[in-house]
Amino acid sequence: MTGIIDVSQLAKTYGDGTKAVKGISFNVSEGEFFGFLGPNGAGKSTTIKILTTLLRKTSGSASVAGFDVDSDGAKIRKIIGVQNQDTVVDEDLTGRENMTLQGELQQMHGQALKERVDELLKIVDLVDAADKRAGFYSGGMKKRLDLATTLVHDPKILFLDEPTTGLDPQSRAAIWAYLKRLNEQGITIFITTQYLEEVDRLCRRLAIVDLGEIVAQGTPSELKHEIGADSISLGFENSTMNGGDTRSKAKELLEKKFDGISNIVNSDIGLTVYAKNGGFLVPEIVRAFDDAKIGLSSIGVSSPTLDDVFLKHTGKRIRVEEVSSANYRGMFSRRRR
């Protein structure tokens, strides 16, 4: 199956020997909203840098709109828009001036450029602030301006590397709304993210990545259906002292006493148990643990989530790591002296 983005056995090893990407394969269809979900260090940014021709691969193959990432870099750069993790705006320029400058760099001029800038200012809700210096923008406004600058030349494909990291929930929701609207207009979007809700709400398909490898691919609903059971989260008392022994004892009891459990996975706080009709099983687990003198600090039951999918394949949950305010400003967002 081929797509507008095709990746086969892609690998990247850095000079110090770090294997950031380990032979991954996937494809993205034209007009699709595709997500790359994983924690920091999973290989997401390395992959997107290779696809946007900012980094050369070690092995494998990758093409964007039929162009090879190694030999056709200039052609790829003409048809893509790229938003990196760091916000790249010039704080001495107004929002309108930032966008106009980006358009001129893309060989756009005159009335066509002016109309495009005016159109995008409306899309990202910055009309009222268009002629104010970007240095006075809030973090969310800078992110929206940064997104708009990537769209000035009307790219065919949009690459977004954790575009909402560091934003408050309201600003994050606003960015999601803009991205959904852009995708509905036909733009192919490839997004990397740590946020489970982001891919669940936006992406038609996704790949879950960890330690440079793809551990699962599919639609959000397919991946959650794969779990096939409710998840019961069990936390144990004194886990720092004897968590290993308690966990082993609890796991042995669950496997011996209860039918209908499909899987038991170690978690950060104790165990996650997958079973059908988990809500009915909870009281029985509590009674059995009480009889066995296994102290529970917490217990909860929920329907399958993407976090459960990640836990199933990696043995851990995704921990979102926000950027610091210093890094969030970005390498070009400091004022000139």
Protein backbone atom coordinates (compact mmCIF):
# COMPACT_ATOMS: atom_id res chain seq x y z
CA MET A 1 0.00 0.00 0.00
CA THR A 2 1.42 3.37 -1.01
CA GLY A 3 0.53 6.81 0.28
CA ILE A 4 1.52 10.45 0.17
CA ILE A 5 4.10 9.54 2.85
CA ASP A 6 5.82 6.16 2.55
CA VAL A 7 8.34 4.89 5.07
CA SER A 8 10.01 1.46 4.94
CA GLN A 9 12.53 0.07 7.43
CA LEU A 10 13.63 3.61 8.32
CA ALA A 11 16.54 3.78 10.76
CA LYS A 12 18.66 6.53 12.26
CA THR A 13 21.77 6.03 14.37
CA TYR A 14 23.56 9.12 15.64
CA GLY A 15 27.33 9.54 15.78
CA ASP A 16 27.49 8.60 19.46
CA GLY A 17 25.85 5.26 18.69
CA THR A 18 22.34 6.19 19.84
CA LYS A 19 19.74 4.31 17.80
CA ALA A 20 16.89 6.84 17.71
CA VAL A 21 14.82 5.06 15.04
CA LYS A 22 15.00 1.31 14.56
CA GLY A 23 13.62 0.11 11.23
CA ILE A 24 10.10 1.54 11.29
CA SER A 25 7.58 1.24 8.45
CA PHE A 26 4.28 3.07 7.89
CA ASN A 27 2.39 5.05 5.27
CA VAL A 28 0.03 8.02 5.30
CA SER A 29 -2.77 8.45 2.75
CA GLU A 30 -3.45 11.74 1.00
CA GLY A 31 -5.82 13.90 3.03
CA GLU A 32 -5.31 11.81 6.17
CA PHE A 33 -4.74 13.08 9.70
CA PHE A 34 -2.03 10.72 10.96
CA GLY A 35 -0.61 10.65 14.48
CA PHE A 36 2.73 9.56 15.89
CA LEU A 37 2.09 8.94 19.59
CA GLY A 38 4.80 8.32 22.15
CA PRO A 39 6.74 9.72 25.10
CA ASN A 40 9.84 11.90 24.89
CA GLY A 41 12.77 9.93 23.49
CA ALA A 42 10.57 7.61 21.45
CA GLY A 43 12.02 8.73 18.11
CA LYS A 44 9.15 10.99 17.02
CA SER A 45 11.15 14.15 16.38
CA THR A 46 13.93 12.25 14.62
CA THR A 47 11.38 10.70 12.25
CA ILE A 48 9.75 14.02 11.42
CA LYS A 49 13.15 15.67 10.84
CA ILE A 50 14.03 12.95 8.33
CA LEU A 51 10.70 13.32 6.53
CA THR A 52 11.09 17.10 6.31
CA THR A 53 14.69 16.75 5.00
CA LEU A 54 16.28 18.34 8.08
CA LEU A 55 18.15 15.14 8.96
CA ARG A 56 19.61 12.36 6.84
CA LYS A 57 18.55 8.80 7.56
CA THR A 58 21.00 5.98 8.25
CA SER A 59 19.14 3.30 6.30
CA GLY A 60 15.76 2.35 4.89
CA SER A 61 13.63 4.43 2.55
CA ALA A 62 11.25 7.37 2.91
CA SER A 63 9.34 9.44 0.36
CA VAL A 64 6.96 12.39 0.57
CA ALA A 65 4.50 12.91 -2.30
CA GLY A 66 6.63 10.54 -4.37
CA PHE A 67 9.86 12.46 -3.74
CA ASP A 68 12.81 10.75 -2.05
CA VAL A 69 13.90 12.45 1.18
CA ASP A 70 17.59 12.18 0.28
CA SER A 71 17.64 13.13 -3.41
CA ASP A 72 14.55 15.35 -3.76
CA GLY A 73 14.79 17.55 -0.67
CA ALA A 74 14.20 20.85 -2.50
CA LYS A 75 11.03 19.51 -4.14
CA ILE A 76 9.70 18.25 -0.81
CA ARG A 77 10.32 21.57 0.94
CA LYS A 78 8.20 23.39 -1.65
CA ILE A 79 5.07 21.40 -0.84
CA ILE A 80 5.27 21.01 2.94
CA GLY A 81 4.71 23.18 5.98
CA VAL A 82 6.63 22.41 9.18
CA GLN A 83 5.94 23.50 12.75
CA ASN A 84 8.61 22.46 15.24
CA GLN A 85 8.29 22.04 19.01
CA ASP A 86 9.86 25.44 19.63
CA THR A 87 7.83 28.47 18.61
CA VAL A 88 9.67 30.32 15.84
CA VAL A 89 8.43 33.92 15.63
CA ASP A 90 10.27 37.24 15.53
CA GLU A 91 9.08 39.18 18.57
CA ASP A 92 10.17 42.52 17.08
CA LEU A 93 7.75 42.06 14.16
CA THR A 94 3.98 42.19 14.26
CA GLY A 95 1.95 39.08 13.58
CA ARG A 96 1.15 40.33 10.08
CA GLU A 97 4.82 41.13 9.42
CA ASN A 98 5.91 37.65 10.56
CA MET A 99 3.50 36.05 8.13
CA THR A 100 4.37 38.42 5.27
CA LEU A 101 8.07 37.74 5.75
CA GLN A 102 7.46 34.00 5.59
CA GLY A 103 5.45 34.45 2.39
CA GLU A 104 8.22 36.48 0.78
CA LEU A 105 10.70 33.74 1.67
CA GLN A 106 8.40 31.42 -0.30
CA GLN A 107 8.52 33.80 -3.33
CA MET A 108 5.03 35.16 -2.72
CA HIS A 109 4.40 38.87 -3.34
CA GLY A 110 1.84 41.61 -3.85
CA GLN A 111 -1.92 41.27 -3.54
CA ALA A 112 -1.88 37.47 -3.52
CA LEU A 113 0.33 37.45 -0.43
CA LYS A 114 -1.71 40.14 1.32
CA GLU A 115 -4.96 38.23 0.73
CA ARG A 116 -3.41 34.98 1.97
CA VAL A 117 -2.14 36.65 5.16
CA ASP A 118 -5.56 38.22 5.80
CA GLU A 119 -7.22 34.83 5.26
CA LEU A 120 -4.91 33.07 7.71
CA LEU A 121 -5.23 35.76 10.37
CA LYS A 122 -8.96 35.01 10.40
CA ILE A 123 -8.40 31.24 10.52
CA VAL A 124 -6.13 31.45 13.59
CA ASP A 125 -8.18 34.21 15.23
CA LEU A 126 -5.44 36.86 15.28
CA VAL A 127 -7.13 39.66 13.32
CA ASP A 128 -7.38 41.97 16.34
CA ALA A 129 -3.73 41.39 17.26
CA ALA A 130 -2.35 41.34 13.70
CA ASP A 131 -0.56 44.68 13.96
CA LYS A 132 0.77 44.25 17.48
CA ARG A 133 4.34 43.12 18.09
CA ALA A 134 4.55 39.37 18.59
CA GLY A 135 6.61 39.97 21.74
CA PHE A 136 3.37 40.96 23.47
CA TYR A 137 1.51 37.82 22.40
CA SER A 138 0.59 35.12 24.88
CA GLY A 139 2.04 31.62 24.48
CA GLY A 140 -1.12 30.38 22.78
CA MET A 141 -1.18 33.33 20.38
CA LYS A 142 2.45 32.71 19.43
CA LYS A 143 1.68 29.07 18.72
CA ARG A 144 -1.24 30.08 16.49
CA LEU A 145 0.93 32.62 14.69
CA ASP A 146 3.65 30.01 14.24
CA LEU A 147 1.09 27.63 12.75
CA ALA A 148 -0.18 30.34 10.40
CA THR A 149 3.32 31.09 9.09
CA THR A 150 3.71 27.44 8.06
CA LEU A 151 0.52 27.72 5.98
CA VAL A 152 1.23 30.93 4.03
CA HIS A 153 2.41 29.11 0.90
CA ASP A 154 -0.60 26.73 1.01
CA PRO A 155 1.34 23.49 1.63
CA LYS A 156 0.03 20.13 0.50
CA ILE A 157 1.28 18.38 3.63
CA LEU A 158 1.64 19.78 7.16
CA PHE A 159 4.17 18.31 9.58
CA LEU A 160 3.61 19.23 13.23
CA ASP A 161 6.09 18.23 15.92
CA GLU A 162 4.22 18.39 19.25
CA PRO A 163 2.43 21.64 18.31
CA THR A 164 0.50 21.99 21.57
CA THR A 165 3.20 21.12 24.12
CA GLY A 166 3.37 23.81 26.80
CA LEU A 167 -0.07 25.25 26.10
CA ASP A 168 -2.91 25.60 28.58
CA PRO A 169 -6.00 23.43 27.94
CA GLN A 170 -7.99 26.28 26.36
CA SER A 171 -5.23 27.17 23.88
CA ARG A 172 -4.67 23.49 23.14
CA ALA A 173 -8.36 23.02 22.31
CA ALA A 174 -8.24 26.06 20.01
CA ILE A 175 -5.28 24.63 18.09
CA TRP A 176 -7.11 21.30 17.76
CA ALA A 177 -10.10 23.10 16.25
CA TYR A 178 -7.90 24.87 13.67
CA LEU A 179 -6.11 21.66 12.73
CA LYS A 180 -9.36 19.79 12.28
CA ARG A 181 -10.64 22.56 10.00
CA LEU A 182 -7.44 22.48 7.92
CA ASN A 183 -7.67 18.72 7.50
CA GLU A 184 -11.29 19.01 6.40
CA GLN A 185 -10.04 21.37 3.67
CA GLY A 186 -7.89 18.57 2.28
CA ILE A 187 -4.47 19.16 3.87
CA THR A 188 -2.64 15.98 4.88
CA ILE A 189 -1.45 16.34 8.47
CA PHE A 190 1.29 14.35 10.20
CA ILE A 191 1.48 15.10 13.91
CA THR A 192 3.77 13.89 16.67
CA THR A 193 2.42 14.14 20.20
CA GLN A 194 2.55 12.90 23.78
CA TYR A 195 -1.13 13.64 24.31
CA LEU A 196 -3.49 10.67 24.15
CA GLU A 197 -6.56 12.88 23.81
CA GLU A 198 -4.97 14.71 20.89
CA VAL A 199 -4.70 11.66 18.64
CA ASP A 200 -7.98 10.21 19.92
CA ARG A 201 -9.89 13.31 18.87
CA LEU A 202 -8.04 14.27 15.69
CA CYS A 203 -6.32 11.34 14.02
CA ARG A 204 -7.88 8.94 11.57
CA ARG A 205 -4.99 6.54 12.13
CA LEU A 206 -1.93 6.51 14.36
CA ALA A 207 1.27 4.68 15.12
CA ILE A 208 2.35 4.22 18.73
CA VAL A 209 6.12 4.49 19.07
CA ASP A 210 8.48 3.68 21.90
CA LEU A 211 12.28 3.53 22.02
CA GLY A 212 12.56 4.00 18.27
CA GLU A 213 10.11 1.25 17.32
CA ILE A 214 6.46 1.19 16.25
CA VAL A 215 4.63 -1.06 18.73
CA ALA A 216 1.10 -0.68 17.30
CA GLN A 217 -0.70 0.89 14.33
CA GLY A 218 -4.34 1.42 13.42
CA THR A 219 -7.34 3.63 14.03
CA PRO A 220 -7.93 4.73 17.64
CA SER A 221 -11.05 2.56 17.84
CA GLU A 222 -9.27 -0.49 16.39
CA LEU A 223 -6.42 -0.21 18.85
CA LYS A 224 -8.74 0.17 21.83
CA HIS A 225 -10.94 -2.68 20.62
CA GLU A 226 -7.78 -4.81 20.49
CA ILE A 227 -7.68 -4.70 24.29
CA GLY A 228 -11.04 -6.48 24.34
CA ALA A 229 -11.64 -5.89 28.04
CA ASP A 230 -12.02 -3.32 30.79
CA SER A 231 -8.88 -2.29 32.63
CA ILE A 232 -8.68 -2.56 36.42
CA SER A 233 -5.91 -0.49 37.95
CA LEU A 234 -4.52 -1.79 41.26
CA GLY A 235 -2.21 0.19 43.54
CA PHE A 236 -0.57 -1.42 46.56
CA GLU A 237 0.30 -0.11 50.00
CA ASN A 238 3.99 0.17 50.93
CA SER A 239 4.87 -0.29 47.26
CA THR A 240 8.27 1.38 47.74
CA MET A 241 9.21 -1.13 50.42
CA ASN A 242 7.95 -4.44 49.13
CA GLY A 243 6.22 -3.62 45.85
CA GLY A 244 7.92 -6.47 44.03
CA ASP A 245 6.81 -9.13 46.51
CA THR A 246 3.31 -7.68 46.84
CA ARG A 247 2.92 -7.47 43.09
CA SER A 248 4.01 -11.07 42.58
CA LYS A 249 1.70 -12.31 45.33
CA ALA A 250 -1.24 -10.35 43.92
CA LYS A 251 -0.59 -11.54 40.38
CA GLU A 252 -0.43 -15.16 41.51
CA LEU A 253 -3.71 -14.80 43.40
CA LEU A 254 -5.48 -13.18 40.43
CA GLU A 255 -4.35 -15.90 38.02
CA LYS A 256 -5.35 -18.68 40.41
CA LYS A 257 -8.69 -17.41 41.66
CA PHE A 258 -10.35 -15.46 38.83
CA ASP A 259 -11.64 -16.56 35.43
CA GLY A 260 -12.19 -14.07 32.62
CA ILE A 261 -8.90 -12.20 33.09
CA SER A 262 -7.21 -11.86 29.72
CA ASN A 263 -3.99 -10.17 30.78
CA ILE A 264 -2.12 -8.78 33.80
CA VAL A 265 0.52 -6.09 33.25
CA ASN A 266 2.90 -4.42 35.69
CA SER A 267 2.23 -0.69 36.06
CA ASP A 268 3.92 2.22 37.81
CA ILE A 269 1.70 1.86 40.89
CA GLY A 270 1.12 -1.89 40.90
CA LEU A 271 -0.83 -3.93 38.35
CA THR A 272 -3.28 -3.36 35.52
CA VAL A 273 -5.71 -6.23 35.02
CA TYR A 274 -7.68 -6.68 31.79
CA ALA A 275 -10.98 -8.51 32.13
CA LYS A 276 -14.49 -8.50 30.72
CA ASN A 277 -17.13 -6.96 32.99
CA GLY A 278 -14.42 -5.41 35.12
CA GLY A 279 -16.93 -3.51 37.25
CA PHE A 280 -18.42 -6.75 38.56
CA LEU A 281 -14.97 -8.15 39.30
CA VAL A 282 -13.78 -5.27 41.48
CA PRO A 283 -15.67 -6.24 44.70
CA GLU A 284 -14.46 -9.81 44.39
CA ILE A 285 -10.84 -8.67 43.98
CA VAL A 286 -11.11 -6.44 47.04
CA ARG A 287 -12.47 -9.31 49.18
CA ALA A 288 -9.85 -11.78 47.91
CA PHE A 289 -6.99 -9.34 48.59
CA ASP A 290 -8.36 -8.57 52.03
CA ASP A 291 -8.43 -12.29 52.88
CA ALA A 292 -4.88 -12.67 51.57
CA LYS A 293 -3.66 -9.62 53.57
CA ILE A 294 -2.69 -7.77 50.40
CA GLY A 295 -3.08 -4.06 51.08
CA LEU A 296 -4.64 -2.00 48.29
CA SER A 297 -3.98 1.74 48.15
CA SER A 298 -6.20 2.30 45.12
CA ILE A 299 -8.44 0.46 42.69
CA GLY A 300 -10.22 1.72 39.60
CA VAL A 301 -11.94 0.38 36.51
CA SER A 302 -12.31 1.96 33.07
CA SER A 303 -13.05 1.14 29.46
CA PRO A 304 -10.01 0.64 27.23
CA THR A 305 -8.03 3.78 26.33
CA LEU A 306 -5.02 4.45 24.13
CA ASP A 307 -2.99 4.58 27.33
CA ASP A 308 -4.03 0.96 27.94
CA VAL A 309 -2.89 0.11 24.41
CA PHE A 310 0.48 1.73 25.10
CA LEU A 311 0.74 -0.07 28.44
CA LYS A 312 -0.10 -3.40 26.83
CA HIS A 313 2.68 -3.07 24.26
CA THR A 314 5.38 -1.37 26.35
CA GLY A 315 4.65 -2.22 29.98
CA LYS A 316 4.45 1.45 30.96
CA ARG A 317 2.17 4.44 30.63
CA ILE A 318 2.89 7.64 28.73
CA ARG A 319 4.06 10.44 31.01
CA VAL A 320 3.62 13.85 29.40
CA GLU A 321 6.72 16.01 29.84
CA GLU A 322 6.06 19.71 29.33
CA VAL A 323 8.75 22.00 27.97
CA SER A 324 10.21 24.65 30.22
CA SER A 325 9.22 28.26 29.65
CA ALA A 326 12.74 29.04 28.47
CA ASN A 327 12.70 26.36 25.80
CA TYR A 328 9.15 27.18 24.84
CA ARG A 329 10.14 30.66 23.70
CA GLY A 330 12.06 29.10 20.85
CA MET A 331 15.38 29.88 19.24
CA PHE A 332 14.11 32.80 17.15
CA SER A 333 11.59 34.30 19.56
CA ARG A 334 14.05 36.38 21.55
CA ARG A 335 14.14 40.07 20.89
CA ARG A 336 17.07 41.54 19.05
CA ARG A 337 19.24 43.96 21.01
